Amino acid sequence: MELIPVESSSVRYVGYEEDRQILYVQFIDGDLYEYFGVPVSDFIDLLHAESIGWFVNKRIKPYYDYRKLEAAS
């Protein structure tokens, strides 16, 4: 999985594993989360969203299970 830099005031990078339907979101503060069961259509919509932060808050967080990943040491 490769993280892609995005233009956002709250999100630094996003990534996606299509075969596992996992969306990765790294926020500006460095916290990295994975969201489970996200269809590729939502990932594409995220990449084209006018506001990536709004999209994550309104279309991803309320609907998908997630976990925070530990920072690499």
PDB file of N, CA and C in Angstrom:
ATOM      1  N   MET A   1       0.849  -1.175   0.000  1.00  0.00           N
ATOM      2  CA  MET A   1       0.000   0.000   0.000  1.00  0.00           C
ATOM      3  C   MET A   1       0.894   1.237   0.000  1.00  0.00           C
ATOM      4  N   GLU A   2       0.570   2.148  -0.879  1.00  0.00           N
ATOM      5  CA  GLU A   2       1.321   3.392  -1.015  1.00  0.00           C
ATOM      6  C   GLU A   2       0.438   4.543  -0.544  1.00  0.00           C
ATOM      7  N   LEU A   3       1.007   5.422   0.272  1.00  0.00           N
ATOM      8  CA  LEU A   3       0.279   6.604   0.700  1.00  0.00           C
ATOM      9  C   LEU A   3       0.500   7.724  -0.316  1.00  0.00           C
ATOM     10  N   ILE A   4      -0.593   8.391  -0.654  1.00  0.00           N
ATOM     11  CA  ILE A   4      -0.578   9.454  -1.651  1.00  0.00           C
ATOM     12  C   ILE A   4      -0.763  10.791  -0.928  1.00  0.00           C
ATOM     13  N   PRO A   5       0.126  11.765  -1.145  1.00  0.00           N
ATOM     14  CA  PRO A   5      -0.085  13.080  -0.524  1.00  0.00           C
ATOM     15  C   PRO A   5      -1.313  13.765  -1.120  1.00  0.00           C
ATOM     16  N   VAL A   6      -2.069  14.450  -0.260  1.00  0.00           N
ATOM     17  CA  VAL A   6      -3.270  15.151  -0.716  1.00  0.00           C
ATOM     18  C   VAL A   6      -3.243  16.593  -0.229  1.00  0.00           C
ATOM     19  N   GLU A   7      -3.985  17.436  -0.934  1.00  0.00           N
ATOM     20  CA  GLU A   7      -4.139  18.841  -0.560  1.00  0.00           C
ATOM     21  C   GLU A   7      -5.295  18.957   0.422  1.00  0.00           C
ATOM     22  N   SER A   8      -4.965  19.152   1.690  1.00  0.00           N
ATOM     23  CA  SER A   8      -5.992  19.230   2.729  1.00  0.00           C
ATOM     24  C   SER A   8      -5.387  19.897   3.951  1.00  0.00           C
ATOM     25  N   SER A   9      -6.226  20.596   4.704  1.00  0.00           N
ATOM     26  CA  SER A   9      -5.756  21.216   5.944  1.00  0.00           C
ATOM     27  C   SER A   9      -5.772  20.237   7.107  1.00  0.00           C
ATOM     28  N   SER A  10      -6.398  19.064   6.929  1.00  0.00           N
ATOM     29  CA  SER A  10      -6.481  18.103   8.035  1.00  0.00           C
ATOM     30  C   SER A  10      -5.912  16.723   7.696  1.00  0.00           C
ATOM     31  N   VAL A  11      -5.792  16.406   6.416  1.00  0.00           N
ATOM     32  CA  VAL A  11      -5.311  15.086   5.989  1.00  0.00           C
ATOM     33  C   VAL A  11      -4.019  15.272   5.200  1.00  0.00           C
ATOM     34  N   ARG A  12      -3.008  14.480   5.556  1.00  0.00           N
ATOM     35  CA  ARG A  12      -1.709  14.573   4.867  1.00  0.00           C
ATOM     36  C   ARG A  12      -1.608  13.561   3.723  1.00  0.00           C
ATOM     37  N   TYR A  13      -2.012  12.289   4.002  1.00  0.00           N
ATOM     38  CA  TYR A  13      -1.889  11.218   3.013  1.00  0.00           C
ATOM     39  C   TYR A  13      -3.124  10.319   3.056  1.00  0.00           C
ATOM     40  N   VAL A  14      -3.411   9.674   1.929  1.00  0.00           N
ATOM     41  CA  VAL A  14      -4.410   8.615   1.874  1.00  0.00           C
ATOM     42  C   VAL A  14      -3.824   7.456   1.080  1.00  0.00           C
ATOM     43  N   GLY A  15      -4.352   6.265   1.317  1.00  0.00           N
ATOM     44  CA  GLY A  15      -3.946   5.083   0.573  1.00  0.00           C
ATOM     45  C   GLY A  15      -5.098   4.099   0.557  1.00  0.00           C
ATOM     46  N   TYR A  16      -4.998   3.109  -0.308  1.00  0.00           N
ATOM     47  CA  TYR A  16      -6.107   2.167  -0.445  1.00  0.00           C
ATOM     48  C   TYR A  16      -5.586   0.812  -0.895  1.00  0.00           C
ATOM     49  N   GLU A  17      -6.101  -0.235  -0.269  1.00  0.00           N
ATOM     50  CA  GLU A  17      -5.838  -1.613  -0.689  1.00  0.00           C
ATOM     51  C   GLU A  17      -7.149  -2.165  -1.237  1.00  0.00           C
ATOM     52  N   GLU A  18      -7.242  -2.235  -2.558  1.00  0.00           N
ATOM     53  CA  GLU A  18      -8.504  -2.623  -3.195  1.00  0.00           C
ATOM     54  C   GLU A  18      -8.911  -4.053  -2.859  1.00  0.00           C
ATOM     55  N   ASP A  19      -7.942  -4.982  -2.839  1.00  0.00           N
ATOM     56  CA  ASP A  19      -8.290  -6.377  -2.586  1.00  0.00           C
ATOM     57  C   ASP A  19      -8.827  -6.594  -1.175  1.00  0.00           C
ATOM     58  N   ARG A  20      -8.418  -5.761  -0.226  1.00  0.00           N
ATOM     59  CA  ARG A  20      -8.888  -5.885   1.161  1.00  0.00           C
ATOM     60  C   ARG A  20      -9.903  -4.808   1.538  1.00  0.00           C
ATOM     61  N   GLN A  21     -10.167  -3.880   0.637  1.00  0.00           N
ATOM     62  CA  GLN A  21     -11.087  -2.752   0.854  1.00  0.00           C
ATOM     63  C   GLN A  21     -10.731  -1.988   2.130  1.00  0.00           C
ATOM     64  N   ILE A  22      -9.452  -1.638   2.240  1.00  0.00           N
ATOM     65  CA  ILE A  22      -8.992  -0.862   3.393  1.00  0.00           C
ATOM     66  C   ILE A  22      -8.523   0.502   2.915  1.00  0.00           C
ATOM     67  N   LEU A  23      -9.078   1.536   3.522  1.00  0.00           N
ATOM     68  CA  LEU A  23      -8.672   2.914   3.271  1.00  0.00           C
ATOM     69  C   LEU A  23      -7.748   3.343   4.400  1.00  0.00           C
ATOM     70  N   TYR A  24      -6.635   3.951   4.030  1.00  0.00           N
ATOM     71  CA  TYR A  24      -5.696   4.485   5.010  1.00  0.00           C
ATOM     72  C   TYR A  24      -5.750   6.004   4.952  1.00  0.00           C
ATOM     73  N   VAL A  25      -5.798   6.619   6.130  1.00  0.00           N
ATOM     74  CA  VAL A  25      -5.815   8.076   6.207  1.00  0.00           C
ATOM     75  C   VAL A  25      -4.804   8.504   7.257  1.00  0.00           C
ATOM     76  N   GLN A  26      -3.840   9.315   6.837  1.00  0.00           N
ATOM     77  CA  GLN A  26      -2.909   9.903   7.795  1.00  0.00           C
ATOM     78  C   GLN A  26      -3.243  11.382   7.921  1.00  0.00           C
ATOM     79  N   PHE A  27      -3.527  11.782   9.147  1.00  0.00           N
ATOM     80  CA  PHE A  27      -3.905  13.154   9.418  1.00  0.00           C
ATOM     81  C   PHE A  27      -2.664  14.029   9.593  1.00  0.00           C
ATOM     82  N   ILE A  28      -2.863  15.325   9.570  1.00  0.00           N
ATOM     83  CA  ILE A  28      -1.772  16.289   9.685  1.00  0.00           C
ATOM     84  C   ILE A  28      -0.959  16.062  10.956  1.00  0.00           C
ATOM     85  N   ASP A  29      -1.619  15.645  12.037  1.00  0.00           N
ATOM     86  CA  ASP A  29      -0.906  15.427  13.302  1.00  0.00           C
ATOM     87  C   ASP A  29      -0.062  14.151  13.291  1.00  0.00           C
ATOM     88  N   GLY A  30      -0.120  13.390  12.191  1.00  0.00           N
ATOM     89  CA  GLY A  30       0.682  12.184  12.057  1.00  0.00           C
ATOM     90  C   GLY A  30      -0.062  10.899  12.370  1.00  0.00           C
ATOM     91  N   ASP A  31      -1.242  10.993  12.988  1.00  0.00           N
ATOM     92  CA  ASP A  31      -2.013   9.788  13.305  1.00  0.00           C
ATOM     93  C   ASP A  31      -2.463   9.099  12.017  1.00  0.00           C
ATOM     94  N   LEU A  32      -2.266   7.777  11.978  1.00  0.00           N
ATOM     95  CA  LEU A  32      -2.622   6.972  10.810  1.00  0.00           C
ATOM     96  C   LEU A  32      -3.719   5.987  11.193  1.00  0.00           C
ATOM     97  N   TYR A  33      -4.800   5.981  10.420  1.00  0.00           N
ATOM     98  CA  TYR A  33      -5.939   5.104  10.662  1.00  0.00           C
ATOM     99  C   TYR A  33      -6.199   4.257   9.432  1.00  0.00           C
ATOM    100  N   GLU A  34      -6.750   3.062   9.666  1.00  0.00           N
ATOM    101  CA  GLU A  34      -7.260   2.260   8.569  1.00  0.00           C
ATOM    102  C   GLU A  34      -8.755   2.065   8.790  1.00  0.00           C
ATOM    103  N   TYR A  35      -9.504   2.182   7.696  1.00  0.00           N
ATOM    104  CA  TYR A  35     -10.956   2.040   7.695  1.00  0.00           C
ATOM    105  C   TYR A  35     -11.290   0.814   6.858  1.00  0.00           C
ATOM    106  N   PHE A  36     -12.140  -0.064   7.410  1.00  0.00           N
ATOM    107  CA  PHE A  36     -12.401  -1.373   6.825  1.00  0.00           C
ATOM    108  C   PHE A  36     -13.691  -1.404   6.010  1.00  0.00           C
ATOM    109  N   GLY A  37     -13.675  -2.162   4.917  1.00  0.00           N
ATOM    110  CA  GLY A  37     -14.869  -2.368   4.108  1.00  0.00           C
ATOM    111  C   GLY A  37     -15.234  -1.199   3.224  1.00  0.00           C
ATOM    112  N   VAL A  38     -14.269  -0.342   2.924  1.00  0.00           N
ATOM    113  CA  VAL A  38     -14.527   0.846   2.110  1.00  0.00           C
ATOM    114  C   VAL A  38     -14.461   0.450   0.627  1.00  0.00           C
ATOM    115  N   PRO A  39     -15.556   0.623  -0.109  1.00  0.00           N
ATOM    116  CA  PRO A  39     -15.529   0.268  -1.531  1.00  0.00           C
ATOM    117  C   PRO A  39     -14.636   1.223  -2.321  1.00  0.00           C
ATOM    118  N   VAL A  40     -14.115   0.741  -3.416  1.00  0.00           N
ATOM    119  CA  VAL A  40     -13.232   1.558  -4.252  1.00  0.00           C
ATOM    120  C   VAL A  40     -13.934   2.833  -4.709  1.00  0.00           C
ATOM    121  N   SER A  41     -15.242   2.783  -4.897  1.00  0.00           N
ATOM    122  CA  SER A  41     -15.977   3.986  -5.328  1.00  0.00           C
ATOM    123  C   SER A  41     -15.860   5.108  -4.301  1.00  0.00           C
ATOM    124  N   ASP A  42     -15.863   4.768  -3.011  1.00  0.00           N
ATOM    125  CA  ASP A  42     -15.689   5.801  -1.985  1.00  0.00           C
ATOM    126  C   ASP A  42     -14.274   6.352  -1.996  1.00  0.00           C
ATOM    127  N   PHE A  43     -13.286   5.508  -2.269  1.00  0.00           N
ATOM    128  CA  PHE A  43     -11.910   5.995  -2.366  1.00  0.00           C
ATOM    129  C   PHE A  43     -11.770   6.960  -3.547  1.00  0.00           C
ATOM    130  N   ILE A  44     -12.349   6.618  -4.671  1.00  0.00           N
ATOM    131  CA  ILE A  44     -12.298   7.499  -5.840  1.00  0.00           C
ATOM    132  C   ILE A  44     -13.003   8.815  -5.545  1.00  0.00           C
ATOM    133  N   ASP A  45     -14.180   8.732  -4.907  1.00  0.00           N
ATOM    134  CA  ASP A  45     -14.902   9.957  -4.528  1.00  0.00           C
ATOM    135  C   ASP A  45     -14.066  10.815  -3.581  1.00  0.00           C
ATOM    136  N   LEU A  46     -13.360  10.168  -2.653  1.00  0.00           N
ATOM    137  CA  LEU A  46     -12.492  10.895  -1.717  1.00  0.00           C
ATOM    138  C   LEU A  46     -11.412  11.661  -2.478  1.00  0.00           C
ATOM    139  N   LEU A  47     -10.783  11.011  -3.430  1.00  0.00           N
ATOM    140  CA  LEU A  47      -9.714  11.656  -4.191  1.00  0.00           C
ATOM    141  C   LEU A  47     -10.208  12.852  -4.999  1.00  0.00           C
ATOM    142  N   HIS A  48     -11.486  12.839  -5.367  1.00  0.00           N
ATOM    143  CA  HIS A  48     -12.052  13.920  -6.173  1.00  0.00           C
ATOM    144  C   HIS A  48     -12.877  14.914  -5.350  1.00  0.00           C
ATOM    145  N   ALA A  49     -12.911  14.724  -4.048  1.00  0.00           N
ATOM    146  CA  ALA A  49     -13.722  15.594  -3.192  1.00  0.00           C
ATOM    147  C   ALA A  49     -13.163  17.015  -3.172  1.00  0.00           C
ATOM    148  N   GLU A  50     -14.067  17.975  -3.124  1.00  0.00           N
ATOM    149  CA  GLU A  50     -13.655  19.372  -3.006  1.00  0.00           C
ATOM    150  C   GLU A  50     -12.918  19.605  -1.694  1.00  0.00           C
ATOM    151  N   SER A  51     -13.383  18.921  -0.630  1.00  0.00           N
ATOM    152  CA  SER A  51     -12.736  18.988   0.676  1.00  0.00           C
ATOM    153  C   SER A  51     -12.516  17.562   1.184  1.00  0.00           C
ATOM    154  N   ILE A  52     -11.274  17.143   1.220  1.00  0.00           N
ATOM    155  CA  ILE A  52     -10.958  15.789   1.668  1.00  0.00           C
ATOM    156  C   ILE A  52     -11.296  15.618   3.141  1.00  0.00           C
ATOM    157  N   GLY A  53     -10.986  16.612   3.960  1.00  0.00           N
ATOM    158  CA  GLY A  53     -11.307  16.540   5.384  1.00  0.00           C
ATOM    159  C   GLY A  53     -12.794  16.378   5.620  1.00  0.00           C
ATOM    160  N   TRP A  54     -13.613  17.152   4.902  1.00  0.00           N
ATOM    161  CA  TRP A  54     -15.072  17.030   5.027  1.00  0.00           C
ATOM    162  C   TRP A  54     -15.507  15.633   4.625  1.00  0.00           C
ATOM    163  N   PHE A  55     -14.983  15.134   3.530  1.00  0.00           N
ATOM    164  CA  PHE A  55     -15.372  13.811   3.041  1.00  0.00           C
ATOM    165  C   PHE A  55     -15.055  12.739   4.080  1.00  0.00           C
ATOM    166  N   VAL A  56     -13.863  12.790   4.651  1.00  0.00           N
ATOM    167  CA  VAL A  56     -13.487  11.807   5.673  1.00  0.00           C
ATOM    168  C   VAL A  56     -14.431  11.900   6.868  1.00  0.00           C
ATOM    169  N   ASN A  57     -14.709  13.109   7.313  1.00  0.00           N
ATOM    170  CA  ASN A  57     -15.562  13.290   8.495  1.00  0.00           C
ATOM    171  C   ASN A  57     -17.022  12.915   8.266  1.00  0.00           C
ATOM    172  N   LYS A  58     -17.535  13.167   7.078  1.00  0.00           N
ATOM    173  CA  LYS A  58     -18.968  12.965   6.820  1.00  0.00           C
ATOM    174  C   LYS A  58     -19.302  11.675   6.077  1.00  0.00           C
ATOM    175  N   ARG A  59     -18.364  11.144   5.274  1.00  0.00           N
ATOM    176  CA  ARG A  59     -18.668   9.985   4.439  1.00  0.00           C
ATOM    177  C   ARG A  59     -17.873   8.727   4.797  1.00  0.00           C
ATOM    178  N   ILE A  60     -16.842   8.876   5.637  1.00  0.00           N
ATOM    179  CA  ILE A  60     -16.025   7.719   6.003  1.00  0.00           C
ATOM    180  C   ILE A  60     -16.174   7.396   7.493  1.00  0.00           C
ATOM    181  N   LYS A  61     -15.803   8.321   8.351  1.00  0.00           N
ATOM    182  CA  LYS A  61     -15.794   8.055   9.805  1.00  0.00           C
ATOM    183  C   LYS A  61     -17.113   7.505  10.349  1.00  0.00           C
ATOM    184  N   PRO A  62     -18.265   8.060   9.969  1.00  0.00           N
ATOM    185  CA  PRO A  62     -19.517   7.564  10.573  1.00  0.00           C
ATOM    186  C   PRO A  62     -19.943   6.168  10.103  1.00  0.00           C
ATOM    187  N   TYR A  63     -19.366   5.665   9.032  1.00  0.00           N
ATOM    188  CA  TYR A  63     -19.903   4.462   8.396  1.00  0.00           C
ATOM    189  C   TYR A  63     -18.999   3.242   8.414  1.00  0.00           C
ATOM    190  N   TYR A  64     -17.718   3.421   8.683  1.00  0.00           N
ATOM    191  CA  TYR A  64     -16.797   2.295   8.578  1.00  0.00           C
ATOM    192  C   TYR A  64     -16.043   2.066   9.887  1.00  0.00           C
ATOM    193  N   ASP A  65     -15.871   0.790  10.222  1.00  0.00           N
ATOM    194  CA  ASP A  65     -15.039   0.436  11.368  1.00  0.00           C
ATOM    195  C   ASP A  65     -13.606   0.826  11.064  1.00  0.00           C
ATOM    196  N   TYR A  66     -12.869   1.149  12.108  1.00  0.00           N
ATOM    197  CA  TYR A  66     -11.510   1.616  11.907  1.00  0.00           C
ATOM    198  C   TYR A  66     -10.636   1.209  13.089  1.00  0.00           C
ATOM    199  N   ARG A  67      -9.344   1.373  12.897  1.00  0.00           N
ATOM    200  CA  ARG A  67      -8.411   1.275  14.010  1.00  0.00           C
ATOM    201  C   ARG A  67      -7.237   2.208  13.742  1.00  0.00           C
ATOM    202  N   LYS A  68      -6.687   2.701  14.830  1.00  0.00           N
ATOM    203  CA  LYS A  68      -5.501   3.560  14.751  1.00  0.00           C
ATOM    204  C   LYS A  68      -4.281   2.650  14.693  1.00  0.00           C
ATOM    205  N   LEU A  69      -3.395   2.935  13.762  1.00  0.00           N
ATOM    206  CA  LEU A  69      -2.172   2.166  13.625  1.00  0.00           C
ATOM    207  C   LEU A  69      -1.080   2.784  14.492  1.00  0.00           C
ATOM    208  N   GLU A  70      -0.249   1.933  15.036  1.00  0.00           N
ATOM    209  CA  GLU A  70       0.874   2.400  15.849  1.00  0.00           C
ATOM    210  C   GLU A  70       1.934   3.010  14.930  1.00  0.00           C
ATOM    211  N   ALA A  71       2.566   4.043  15.420  1.00  0.00           N
ATOM    212  CA  ALA A  71       3.638   4.683  14.659  1.00  0.00           C
ATOM    213  C   ALA A  71       4.816   3.732  14.523  1.00  0.00           C
ATOM    214  N   ALA A  72       5.437   3.740  13.374  1.00  0.00           N
ATOM    215  CA  ALA A  72       6.624   2.898  13.154  1.00  0.00           C
ATOM    216  C   ALA A  72       7.768   3.423  14.004  1.00  0.00           C
ATOM    217  N   SER A  73       8.509   2.509  14.598  1.00  0.00           N
ATOM    218  CA  SER A  73       9.629   2.962  15.428  1.00  0.00           C
ATOM    219  C   SER A  73      10.944   2.852  14.692  1.00  0.00           C
TER     220      SER A  73
END
